[in-house]
Amino acid sequence: MTQVIAASVAFSVGGALMKSSDGFNRLAPSLLVGVLFVVGAALMAKAVSSEGLSTAFVMGLGVEAIVSVAIGAMVLGERMHVTQWTGIALIVIGVGVVRFH
């Protein structure tokens, strides 16, 4: 579970840095995106080997969505509508069902 969360955070932070990379026109953020995606993939590969694809990958996608929303709201100042919050709640419920089946 720790590897899934760490991979999700790496993917989410890398995704957030895509915005500051300006379409991969700025070197430092672009390199960080690449490094974080490679780290995330390596961590997810380790998680899949121990937890199985269906559990680890679905959990990772759910955690990544939640972390991405948090980064968007807290760092980038993005606002969420009620329907978007409803979608996030459904993702959290879905991750819980997959994890604790």
C-alpha atoms as a PDB file:
ATOM      1  CA  MET A   1       0.000   0.000   0.000  1.00  0.00           C
ATOM      2  CA  THR A   2       2.855   2.403   0.791  1.00  0.00           C
ATOM      3  CA  GLN A   3       4.344   1.888  -2.673  1.00  0.00           C
ATOM      4  CA  VAL A   4       0.976   2.572  -4.312  1.00  0.00           C
ATOM      5  CA  ILE A   5       0.594   5.835  -2.394  1.00  0.00           C
ATOM      6  CA  ALA A   6       4.177   6.900  -3.138  1.00  0.00           C
ATOM      7  CA  ALA A   7       3.723   6.079  -6.840  1.00  0.00           C
ATOM      8  CA  SER A   8       0.463   8.028  -6.934  1.00  0.00           C
ATOM      9  CA  VAL A   9       2.078  11.055  -5.328  1.00  0.00           C
ATOM     10  CA  ALA A  10       4.970  10.900  -7.817  1.00  0.00           C
ATOM     11  CA  PHE A  11       2.552  10.722 -10.762  1.00  0.00           C
ATOM     12  CA  SER A  12       0.384  13.525  -9.377  1.00  0.00           C
ATOM     13  CA  VAL A  13       3.268  15.897  -8.663  1.00  0.00           C
ATOM     14  CA  GLY A  14       4.720  15.090 -12.079  1.00  0.00           C
ATOM     15  CA  GLY A  15       1.363  15.851 -13.650  1.00  0.00           C
ATOM     16  CA  ALA A  16       1.121  19.159 -11.812  1.00  0.00           C
ATOM     17  CA  LEU A  17       4.602  20.072 -13.029  1.00  0.00           C
ATOM     18  CA  MET A  18       3.439  19.593 -16.612  1.00  0.00           C
ATOM     19  CA  LYS A  19       1.663  22.914 -16.270  1.00  0.00           C
ATOM     20  CA  SER A  20       4.850  24.715 -15.256  1.00  0.00           C
ATOM     21  CA  SER A  21       6.878  22.929 -17.955  1.00  0.00           C
ATOM     22  CA  ASP A  22       4.993  25.048 -20.525  1.00  0.00           C
ATOM     23  CA  GLY A  23       4.456  22.168 -22.912  1.00  0.00           C
ATOM     24  CA  PHE A  24       7.940  20.803 -22.184  1.00  0.00           C
ATOM     25  CA  ASN A  25       9.514  24.093 -23.257  1.00  0.00           C
ATOM     26  CA  ARG A  26      11.102  24.756 -19.842  1.00  0.00           C
ATOM     27  CA  LEU A  27      13.953  22.396 -19.022  1.00  0.00           C
ATOM     28  CA  ALA A  28      13.883  22.009 -15.218  1.00  0.00           C
ATOM     29  CA  PRO A  29      10.153  21.278 -14.817  1.00  0.00           C
ATOM     30  CA  SER A  30      10.263  19.010 -17.874  1.00  0.00           C
ATOM     31  CA  LEU A  31      13.110  16.961 -16.391  1.00  0.00           C
ATOM     32  CA  LEU A  32      11.262  16.719 -13.073  1.00  0.00           C
ATOM     33  CA  VAL A  33       8.157  15.440 -14.870  1.00  0.00           C
ATOM     34  CA  GLY A  34      10.227  12.692 -16.470  1.00  0.00           C
ATOM     35  CA  VAL A  35      11.998  11.736 -13.255  1.00  0.00           C
ATOM     36  CA  LEU A  36       8.773  11.649 -11.234  1.00  0.00           C
ATOM     37  CA  PHE A  37       6.995   9.543 -13.861  1.00  0.00           C
ATOM     38  CA  VAL A  38       9.867   7.032 -13.937  1.00  0.00           C
ATOM     39  CA  VAL A  39       9.909   6.877 -10.122  1.00  0.00           C
ATOM     40  CA  GLY A  40       6.119   6.461 -10.072  1.00  0.00           C
ATOM     41  CA  ALA A  41       6.262   3.664 -12.649  1.00  0.00           C
ATOM     42  CA  ALA A  42       9.005   1.850 -10.729  1.00  0.00           C
ATOM     43  CA  LEU A  43       7.066   2.074  -7.466  1.00  0.00           C
ATOM     44  CA  MET A  44       3.856   0.927  -9.128  1.00  0.00           C
ATOM     45  CA  ALA A  45       5.675  -2.025 -10.714  1.00  0.00           C
ATOM     46  CA  LYS A  46       6.856  -3.098  -7.267  1.00  0.00           C
ATOM     47  CA  ALA A  47       3.356  -2.694  -5.844  1.00  0.00           C
ATOM     48  CA  VAL A  48       1.776  -4.701  -8.660  1.00  0.00           C
ATOM     49  CA  SER A  49       4.218  -7.551  -8.066  1.00  0.00           C
ATOM     50  CA  SER A  50       3.131  -7.870  -4.440  1.00  0.00           C
ATOM     51  CA  GLU A  51      -0.511  -6.766  -4.452  1.00  0.00           C
ATOM     52  CA  GLY A  52      -1.692  -7.759  -7.923  1.00  0.00           C
ATOM     53  CA  LEU A  53      -2.624  -5.591 -10.874  1.00  0.00           C
ATOM     54  CA  SER A  54      -6.343  -5.180 -10.254  1.00  0.00           C
ATOM     55  CA  THR A  55      -5.913  -4.009  -6.668  1.00  0.00           C
ATOM     56  CA  ALA A  56      -2.725  -1.942  -6.921  1.00  0.00           C
ATOM     57  CA  PHE A  57      -3.515  -0.198 -10.183  1.00  0.00           C
ATOM     58  CA  VAL A  58      -7.107   0.720  -9.302  1.00  0.00           C
ATOM     59  CA  MET A  59      -6.022   1.954  -5.880  1.00  0.00           C
ATOM     60  CA  GLY A  60      -3.218   3.924  -7.491  1.00  0.00           C
ATOM     61  CA  LEU A  61      -5.555   5.624  -9.937  1.00  0.00           C
ATOM     62  CA  GLY A  62      -7.935   6.540  -7.127  1.00  0.00           C
ATOM     63  CA  VAL A  63      -5.204   7.896  -4.872  1.00  0.00           C
ATOM     64  CA  GLU A  64      -3.699   9.767  -7.820  1.00  0.00           C
ATOM     65  CA  ALA A  65      -7.047  11.421  -8.540  1.00  0.00           C
ATOM     66  CA  ILE A  66      -7.425  12.517  -4.930  1.00  0.00           C
ATOM     67  CA  VAL A  67      -3.845  13.830  -4.694  1.00  0.00           C
ATOM     68  CA  SER A  68      -4.246  15.658  -8.017  1.00  0.00           C
ATOM     69  CA  VAL A  69      -7.408  17.378  -6.801  1.00  0.00           C
ATOM     70  CA  ALA A  70      -5.632  18.394  -3.590  1.00  0.00           C
ATOM     71  CA  ILE A  71      -2.675  19.821  -5.532  1.00  0.00           C
ATOM     72  CA  GLY A  72      -5.028  21.624  -7.899  1.00  0.00           C
ATOM     73  CA  ALA A  73      -6.985  23.177  -5.044  1.00  0.00           C
ATOM     74  CA  MET A  74      -4.190  23.948  -2.574  1.00  0.00           C
ATOM     75  CA  VAL A  75      -1.283  24.784  -4.876  1.00  0.00           C
ATOM     76  CA  LEU A  76      -2.853  25.944  -8.134  1.00  0.00           C
ATOM     77  CA  GLY A  77      -5.942  27.603  -6.630  1.00  0.00           C
ATOM     78  CA  GLU A  78      -8.420  25.588  -8.711  1.00  0.00           C
ATOM     79  CA  ARG A  79     -12.042  25.500  -7.586  1.00  0.00           C
ATOM     80  CA  MET A  80     -14.261  22.417  -7.623  1.00  0.00           C
ATOM     81  CA  HIS A  81     -17.992  22.284  -8.282  1.00  0.00           C
ATOM     82  CA  VAL A  82     -20.426  20.088  -6.344  1.00  0.00           C
ATOM     83  CA  THR A  83     -20.617  17.570  -9.179  1.00  0.00           C
ATOM     84  CA  GLN A  84     -16.828  17.248  -9.171  1.00  0.00           C
ATOM     85  CA  TRP A  85     -16.799  16.659  -5.407  1.00  0.00           C
ATOM     86  CA  THR A  86     -19.454  13.993  -5.951  1.00  0.00           C
ATOM     87  CA  GLY A  87     -17.184  12.294  -8.465  1.00  0.00           C
ATOM     88  CA  ILE A  88     -14.259  12.380  -6.036  1.00  0.00           C
ATOM     89  CA  ALA A  89     -16.460  10.849  -3.323  1.00  0.00           C
ATOM     90  CA  LEU A  90     -17.407   8.036  -5.706  1.00  0.00           C
ATOM     91  CA  ILE A  91     -13.730   7.428  -6.471  1.00  0.00           C
ATOM     92  CA  VAL A  92     -12.923   7.197  -2.750  1.00  0.00           C
ATOM     93  CA  ILE A  93     -15.789   4.748  -2.248  1.00  0.00           C
ATOM     94  CA  GLY A  94     -14.637   2.699  -5.248  1.00  0.00           C
ATOM     95  CA  VAL A  95     -11.057   2.532  -3.981  1.00  0.00           C
ATOM     96  CA  GLY A  96     -12.338   1.395  -0.604  1.00  0.00           C
ATOM     97  CA  VAL A  97     -14.441  -1.344  -2.182  1.00  0.00           C
ATOM     98  CA  VAL A  98     -11.505  -2.596  -4.258  1.00  0.00           C
ATOM     99  CA  ARG A  99      -9.073  -2.457  -1.346  1.00  0.00           C
ATOM    100  CA  PHE A 100     -11.274  -4.010   1.319  1.00  0.00           C
ATOM    101  CA  HIS A 101     -13.303  -6.447  -0.776  1.00  0.00           C
END
